[in-house]
Amino acid sequence: MKPATIEETEMWGDGAIVRAGTDTMFLSEFNQGWLVTAAGCVHRGEIPYECAVGGP
């Protein structure tokens, strides 16, 4: 399986959203660096994302 290419990133403070292929992930910055806090997220318009793992 070929890894997806990162298409878009958006950062705010110690949080970020990354879109790669059909996947959307949320990251948070910790002392050890940036870690994924939610993955497999689907945008649902005005309501929060729905994530397969974790949540924003």
N, C-alpha and C. Protein backbone atom coordinates (compact mmCIF):
# COMPACT_ATOMS: atom_id res chain seq x y z
N MET A 1 0.84 -1.19 0.00
CA MET A 1 0.00 0.00 0.00
C MET A 1 0.88 1.24 0.00
N LYS A 2 0.65 2.13 -0.92
CA LYS A 2 1.43 3.36 -1.04
C LYS A 2 0.89 4.42 -0.07
N PRO A 3 1.78 5.08 0.70
CA PRO A 3 1.33 6.14 1.61
C PRO A 3 0.70 7.30 0.85
N ALA A 4 -0.28 7.94 1.46
CA ALA A 4 -0.93 9.11 0.85
C ALA A 4 -0.01 10.32 0.95
N THR A 5 -0.12 11.21 0.00
CA THR A 5 0.62 12.46 0.00
C THR A 5 -0.15 13.50 0.79
N ILE A 6 0.54 14.24 1.66
CA ILE A 6 -0.11 15.31 2.41
C ILE A 6 -0.50 16.40 1.43
N GLU A 7 -1.79 16.74 1.44
CA GLU A 7 -2.33 17.72 0.51
C GLU A 7 -2.57 19.09 1.15
N GLU A 8 -2.86 19.09 2.45
CA GLU A 8 -3.19 20.36 3.11
C GLU A 8 -2.93 20.23 4.60
N THR A 9 -2.40 21.29 5.19
CA THR A 9 -2.23 21.35 6.64
C THR A 9 -2.72 22.71 7.13
N GLU A 10 -3.22 22.72 8.34
CA GLU A 10 -3.67 23.97 8.96
C GLU A 10 -3.29 23.86 10.43
N MET A 11 -2.61 24.89 10.95
CA MET A 11 -2.16 24.88 12.35
C MET A 11 -2.80 26.03 13.10
N TRP A 12 -3.04 25.78 14.38
CA TRP A 12 -3.51 26.82 15.29
C TRP A 12 -2.96 26.48 16.67
N GLY A 13 -2.14 27.33 17.23
CA GLY A 13 -1.54 27.08 18.54
C GLY A 13 -0.82 25.74 18.59
N ASP A 14 -1.27 24.84 19.48
CA ASP A 14 -0.64 23.52 19.60
C ASP A 14 -1.45 22.43 18.92
N GLY A 15 -2.31 22.81 17.97
CA GLY A 15 -3.13 21.84 17.24
C GLY A 15 -2.96 22.00 15.74
N ALA A 16 -3.29 20.94 15.02
CA ALA A 16 -3.20 20.98 13.56
C ALA A 16 -4.15 19.96 12.95
N ILE A 17 -4.53 20.21 11.70
CA ILE A 17 -5.31 19.26 10.91
C ILE A 17 -4.50 18.98 9.66
N VAL A 18 -4.46 17.71 9.26
CA VAL A 18 -3.70 17.29 8.09
C VAL A 18 -4.63 16.48 7.20
N ARG A 19 -4.65 16.82 5.91
CA ARG A 19 -5.44 16.05 4.95
C ARG A 19 -4.47 15.37 4.00
N ALA A 20 -4.61 14.04 3.91
CA ALA A 20 -3.74 13.23 3.05
C ALA A 20 -4.61 12.19 2.34
N GLY A 21 -4.73 12.32 1.04
CA GLY A 21 -5.60 11.41 0.31
C GLY A 21 -7.02 11.57 0.79
N THR A 22 -7.64 10.46 1.18
CA THR A 22 -9.02 10.52 1.67
C THR A 22 -9.08 10.60 3.19
N ASP A 23 -7.93 10.68 3.87
CA ASP A 23 -7.89 10.69 5.33
C ASP A 23 -7.66 12.10 5.85
N THR A 24 -8.33 12.41 6.95
CA THR A 24 -8.12 13.65 7.68
C THR A 24 -7.71 13.27 9.09
N MET A 25 -6.61 13.88 9.57
CA MET A 25 -6.08 13.58 10.90
C MET A 25 -5.92 14.87 11.69
N PHE A 26 -6.07 14.75 13.00
CA PHE A 26 -5.80 15.86 13.91
C PHE A 26 -4.55 15.54 14.69
N LEU A 27 -3.70 16.54 14.89
CA LEU A 27 -2.46 16.38 15.64
C LEU A 27 -2.41 17.41 16.75
N SER A 28 -1.70 17.08 17.83
CA SER A 28 -1.45 18.02 18.92
C SER A 28 0.04 17.99 19.22
N GLU A 29 0.57 19.14 19.64
CA GLU A 29 1.99 19.23 19.96
C GLU A 29 2.19 18.96 21.45
N PHE A 30 3.06 18.01 21.73
CA PHE A 30 3.41 17.65 23.10
C PHE A 30 4.92 17.87 23.27
N ASN A 31 5.44 17.66 24.47
CA ASN A 31 6.87 17.83 24.71
C ASN A 31 7.72 16.98 23.77
N GLN A 32 7.26 15.78 23.43
CA GLN A 32 8.02 14.88 22.57
C GLN A 32 7.80 15.15 21.08
N GLY A 33 6.98 16.13 20.73
CA GLY A 33 6.73 16.49 19.33
C GLY A 33 5.26 16.40 18.97
N TRP A 34 4.98 16.39 17.67
CA TRP A 34 3.61 16.33 17.17
C TRP A 34 3.13 14.89 17.15
N LEU A 35 1.95 14.63 17.73
CA LEU A 35 1.37 13.30 17.77
C LEU A 35 -0.05 13.32 17.21
N VAL A 36 -0.43 12.27 16.51
CA VAL A 36 -1.78 12.14 15.97
C VAL A 36 -2.73 11.87 17.13
N THR A 37 -3.79 12.68 17.25
CA THR A 37 -4.77 12.51 18.31
C THR A 37 -6.11 12.01 17.77
N ALA A 38 -6.30 12.05 16.45
CA ALA A 38 -7.51 11.54 15.82
C ALA A 38 -7.21 11.24 14.36
N ALA A 39 -7.81 10.16 13.84
CA ALA A 39 -7.56 9.76 12.45
C ALA A 39 -8.84 9.19 11.85
N GLY A 40 -8.87 9.16 10.52
CA GLY A 40 -10.05 8.66 9.83
C GLY A 40 -11.24 9.58 10.02
N CYS A 41 -10.98 10.88 10.06
CA CYS A 41 -12.02 11.86 10.36
C CYS A 41 -12.76 12.31 9.10
N VAL A 42 -14.07 12.51 9.26
CA VAL A 42 -14.93 12.92 8.15
C VAL A 42 -15.56 14.26 8.50
N HIS A 43 -15.42 15.22 7.59
CA HIS A 43 -16.02 16.54 7.77
C HIS A 43 -17.53 16.44 7.63
N ARG A 44 -18.26 17.04 8.57
CA ARG A 44 -19.72 16.96 8.55
C ARG A 44 -20.36 18.34 8.55
N GLY A 45 -19.72 19.27 7.86
CA GLY A 45 -20.30 20.61 7.76
C GLY A 45 -20.18 21.40 9.04
N GLU A 46 -21.29 21.90 9.54
CA GLU A 46 -21.32 22.77 10.72
C GLU A 46 -21.09 22.01 12.03
N ILE A 47 -21.24 20.69 12.02
CA ILE A 47 -21.05 19.93 13.25
C ILE A 47 -19.64 19.35 13.28
N PRO A 48 -19.14 18.95 14.47
CA PRO A 48 -17.76 18.44 14.56
C PRO A 48 -17.49 17.23 13.67
N TYR A 49 -16.22 17.06 13.35
CA TYR A 49 -15.78 15.89 12.56
C TYR A 49 -16.16 14.61 13.29
N GLU A 50 -16.39 13.56 12.53
CA GLU A 50 -16.57 12.22 13.10
C GLU A 50 -15.30 11.45 12.76
N CYS A 51 -14.66 10.89 13.78
CA CYS A 51 -13.37 10.21 13.58
C CYS A 51 -13.47 8.74 13.95
N ALA A 52 -12.79 7.91 13.16
CA ALA A 52 -12.76 6.48 13.43
C ALA A 52 -11.93 6.17 14.67
N VAL A 53 -10.89 6.97 14.92
CA VAL A 53 -10.01 6.80 16.07
C VAL A 53 -9.84 8.15 16.75
N GLY A 54 -10.11 8.24 18.04
CA GLY A 54 -9.94 9.50 18.75
C GLY A 54 -10.98 10.53 18.33
N GLY A 55 -10.65 11.77 18.55
CA GLY A 55 -11.56 12.85 18.16
C GLY A 55 -10.93 14.20 18.41
N PRO A 56 -11.34 15.17 17.62
CA PRO A 56 -10.74 16.51 17.77
C PRO A 56 -11.17 17.19 19.05
